[in-house]
């Protein structure tokens, strides 16, 4: 016993719409482009979050070095105010702590610069992600407007949808050139 599926007969309506095939192909292309641009946007946002996390870690490291530097400065101040019997030993200890203060200052500068660099990279990736998101939105709008053509049989919707979709592609492509 073979069962067959009967397809509905052509009725007056969408079956004789000359725009059905080209609009459907356009919608399919726009859908693929939406998927690709969405993927680029998601990856950019993920990279942005990772860079933000690294920058935050660098600033925490900067703060730890800053705290240690202040501890060393406090030791120098204490040694300056406390009268020690062995002046040579006190001078050697004071110099040791002064060197540590300088080392921490240098470390802080380097760590702060690295944190700022990471923040700069994060900002660049954020601008890229914004462009991909904008392109995605325009592509989705173009896709929806193209689909209205199938309901209304008006070529204007198809052309408008393609133009908006093309604008979406252009906006997304600018994401690769963001600086």
Protein backbone atom coordinates (compact mmCIF):
# COMPACT_ATOMS: atom_id res chain seq x y z
CA UNK A 1 0.00 0.00 0.00
CA UNK A 2 1.66 3.19 -1.20
CA UNK A 3 0.53 6.44 0.21
CA UNK A 4 0.97 9.53 -1.83
CA UNK A 5 0.93 13.12 -0.87
CA UNK A 6 -1.32 15.29 -2.88
CA UNK A 7 -0.17 18.79 -3.49
CA UNK A 8 -2.73 21.54 -3.58
CA UNK A 9 -3.75 22.64 -7.02
CA UNK A 10 -2.72 25.98 -8.37
CA UNK A 11 -5.24 28.48 -7.23
CA UNK A 12 -5.53 32.02 -8.37
CA UNK A 13 -3.16 33.83 -6.05
CA UNK A 14 0.50 33.30 -5.23
CA UNK A 15 1.07 30.52 -7.76
CA UNK A 16 1.00 32.86 -10.72
CA UNK A 17 3.10 35.57 -9.06
CA UNK A 18 6.07 36.24 -11.37
CA UNK A 19 8.09 37.49 -8.42
CA UNK A 20 7.86 34.26 -6.42
CA UNK A 21 11.08 32.63 -7.65
CA UNK A 22 13.40 35.67 -7.75
CA UNK A 23 12.09 37.01 -4.44
CA UNK A 24 12.45 33.61 -2.80
CA UNK A 25 16.04 33.36 -4.01
CA UNK A 26 16.71 36.90 -2.74
CA UNK A 27 15.22 36.02 0.65
CA UNK A 28 17.40 32.90 0.82
CA UNK A 29 20.53 34.89 0.03
CA UNK A 30 19.63 37.53 2.60
CA UNK A 31 19.03 34.79 5.19
CA UNK A 32 22.48 33.31 4.59
CA UNK A 33 24.04 36.79 4.85
CA UNK A 34 22.15 37.43 8.10
CA UNK A 35 23.52 34.18 9.52
CA UNK A 36 27.10 35.03 8.49
CA UNK A 37 26.98 38.58 9.85
CA UNK A 38 25.33 37.36 13.07
CA UNK A 39 28.18 34.90 13.55
CA UNK A 40 30.75 37.67 13.02
CA UNK A 41 28.93 39.85 15.52
CA UNK A 42 28.77 37.12 18.15
CA UNK A 43 32.47 36.35 17.76
CA UNK A 44 33.35 40.04 18.02
CA UNK A 45 31.29 40.41 21.20
CA UNK A 46 32.97 37.33 22.69
CA UNK A 47 36.40 38.73 21.90
CA UNK A 48 35.33 42.07 23.39
CA UNK A 49 34.36 40.36 26.66
CA UNK A 50 37.63 38.44 26.81
CA UNK A 51 39.63 41.63 26.31
CA UNK A 52 37.59 43.40 28.98
CA UNK A 53 38.34 40.56 31.37
CA UNK A 54 42.07 40.75 30.61
CA UNK A 55 42.05 44.53 31.08
CA UNK A 56 40.25 44.14 34.41
CA UNK A 57 42.84 41.58 35.50
CA UNK A 58 45.63 43.99 34.56
CA UNK A 59 44.05 46.79 36.56
CA UNK A 60 43.74 44.45 39.58
CA UNK A 61 47.43 43.58 39.19
CA UNK A 62 48.19 47.32 38.93
CA UNK A 63 46.32 47.92 42.17
CA UNK A 64 48.17 45.10 43.92
CA UNK A 65 51.49 46.62 42.88
CA UNK A 66 50.28 50.03 44.03
CA UNK A 67 49.41 48.65 47.46
CA UNK A 68 52.83 46.99 47.76
CA UNK A 69 54.51 50.24 46.70
CA UNK A 70 52.67 52.14 49.42
CA UNK A 71 53.70 49.53 51.96
CA UNK A 72 57.33 50.03 50.97
CA UNK A 73 56.94 53.81 51.18
CA UNK A 74 55.51 53.38 54.66
CA UNK A 75 58.54 51.31 55.66
CA UNK A 76 60.85 54.05 54.42
CA UNK A 77 58.88 56.62 56.43
CA UNK A 78 59.00 54.43 59.55
CA UNK A 79 62.74 53.96 59.21
CA UNK A 80 63.15 57.73 58.86
CA UNK A 81 61.21 58.41 62.04
CA UNK A 82 62.47 55.62 64.27
CA UNK A 83 65.82 56.19 65.86
CA UNK A 84 67.86 53.05 65.39
CA UNK A 85 71.12 52.40 67.20
CA UNK A 86 72.85 50.88 64.15
CA UNK A 87 72.76 53.79 61.67
CA UNK A 88 74.55 51.86 58.89
CA UNK A 89 72.13 48.96 59.07
CA UNK A 90 69.18 51.37 59.13
CA UNK A 91 70.58 53.16 56.06
CA UNK A 92 70.98 49.84 54.18
CA UNK A 93 67.43 48.76 55.02
CA UNK A 94 66.08 52.16 54.00
CA UNK A 95 67.90 51.98 50.64
CA UNK A 96 66.52 48.49 50.10
CA UNK A 97 62.97 49.73 50.57
CA UNK A 98 63.56 52.80 48.42
CA UNK A 99 64.71 50.51 45.58
CA UNK A 100 61.58 48.44 46.05
CA UNK A 101 59.45 51.59 45.82
CA UNK A 102 61.13 52.50 42.51
CA UNK A 103 60.70 48.96 41.19
CA UNK A 104 56.99 49.01 42.03
CA UNK A 105 56.59 52.40 40.36
CA UNK A 106 58.18 51.04 37.18
CA UNK A 107 56.05 47.88 37.35
CA UNK A 108 52.92 49.97 37.83
CA UNK A 109 53.70 52.04 34.75
CA UNK A 110 54.23 48.97 32.60
CA UNK A 111 51.13 47.20 33.92
CA UNK A 112 49.00 50.34 33.52
CA UNK A 113 50.16 50.75 29.91
CA UNK A 114 49.33 47.13 29.16
CA UNK A 115 45.86 47.53 30.70
CA UNK A 116 45.25 50.65 28.60
CA UNK A 117 46.39 48.79 25.50
CA UNK A 118 43.94 45.98 26.22
CA UNK A 119 41.18 48.53 26.69
CA UNK A 120 42.08 50.06 23.32
CA UNK A 121 41.84 46.65 21.65
CA UNK A 122 38.52 46.06 23.40
CA UNK A 123 37.18 49.37 22.12
CA UNK A 124 38.21 48.50 18.56
CA UNK A 125 36.49 45.11 18.76
CA UNK A 126 33.43 46.83 20.23
CA UNK A 127 33.25 49.17 17.23
CA UNK A 128 33.53 46.16 14.91
CA UNK A 129 30.79 44.34 16.78
CA UNK A 130 28.56 47.41 16.53
CA UNK A 131 29.05 47.50 12.75
CA UNK A 132 28.25 43.80 12.45
CA UNK A 133 25.14 44.31 14.60
CA UNK A 134 24.02 47.23 12.43
CA UNK A 135 24.59 45.21 9.27
CA UNK A 136 22.65 42.32 10.74
CA UNK A 137 19.70 44.56 11.58
CA UNK A 138 19.59 46.05 8.08
CA UNK A 139 19.85 42.60 6.48
CA UNK A 140 16.97 41.35 8.60
CA UNK A 141 14.86 44.39 7.70
CA UNK A 142 15.67 43.86 4.02
CA UNK A 143 14.69 40.21 4.31
CA UNK A 144 11.32 41.06 5.85
CA UNK A 145 10.59 43.77 3.30
CA UNK A 146 11.45 41.38 0.45
CA UNK A 147 9.02 38.84 1.86
CA UNK A 148 6.23 41.42 1.73
CA UNK A 149 6.61 41.24 -2.07
CA UNK A 150 5.19 37.71 -1.99
CA UNK A 151 2.08 38.97 -0.23
CA UNK A 152 1.54 42.20 -2.13
CA UNK A 153 3.01 41.38 -5.56
CA UNK A 154 4.60 44.79 -5.60
CA UNK A 155 8.06 45.01 -7.07
CA UNK A 156 8.80 48.12 -4.99
CA UNK A 157 9.05 45.99 -1.81
CA UNK A 158 11.48 43.60 -3.48
CA UNK A 159 13.73 46.41 -4.74
CA UNK A 160 13.54 48.24 -1.41
CA UNK A 161 14.37 45.06 0.49
CA UNK A 162 17.36 44.38 -1.75
CA UNK A 163 18.63 47.94 -1.31
CA UNK A 164 18.32 47.77 2.46
CA UNK A 165 19.99 44.34 2.40
CA UNK A 166 22.84 45.75 0.30
CA UNK A 167 23.20 48.59 2.82
CA UNK A 168 23.38 45.94 5.55
CA UNK A 169 26.19 44.15 3.73
CA UNK A 170 28.08 47.44 3.34
CA UNK A 171 27.69 48.31 7.02
CA UNK A 172 28.85 44.81 8.04
CA UNK A 173 31.88 44.99 5.70
CA UNK A 174 32.94 48.26 7.35
CA UNK A 175 33.36 46.22 10.52
CA UNK A 176 36.51 44.73 9.01
CA UNK A 177 37.95 48.20 8.48
CA UNK A 178 37.03 49.75 11.84
CA UNK A 179 39.90 51.44 13.60
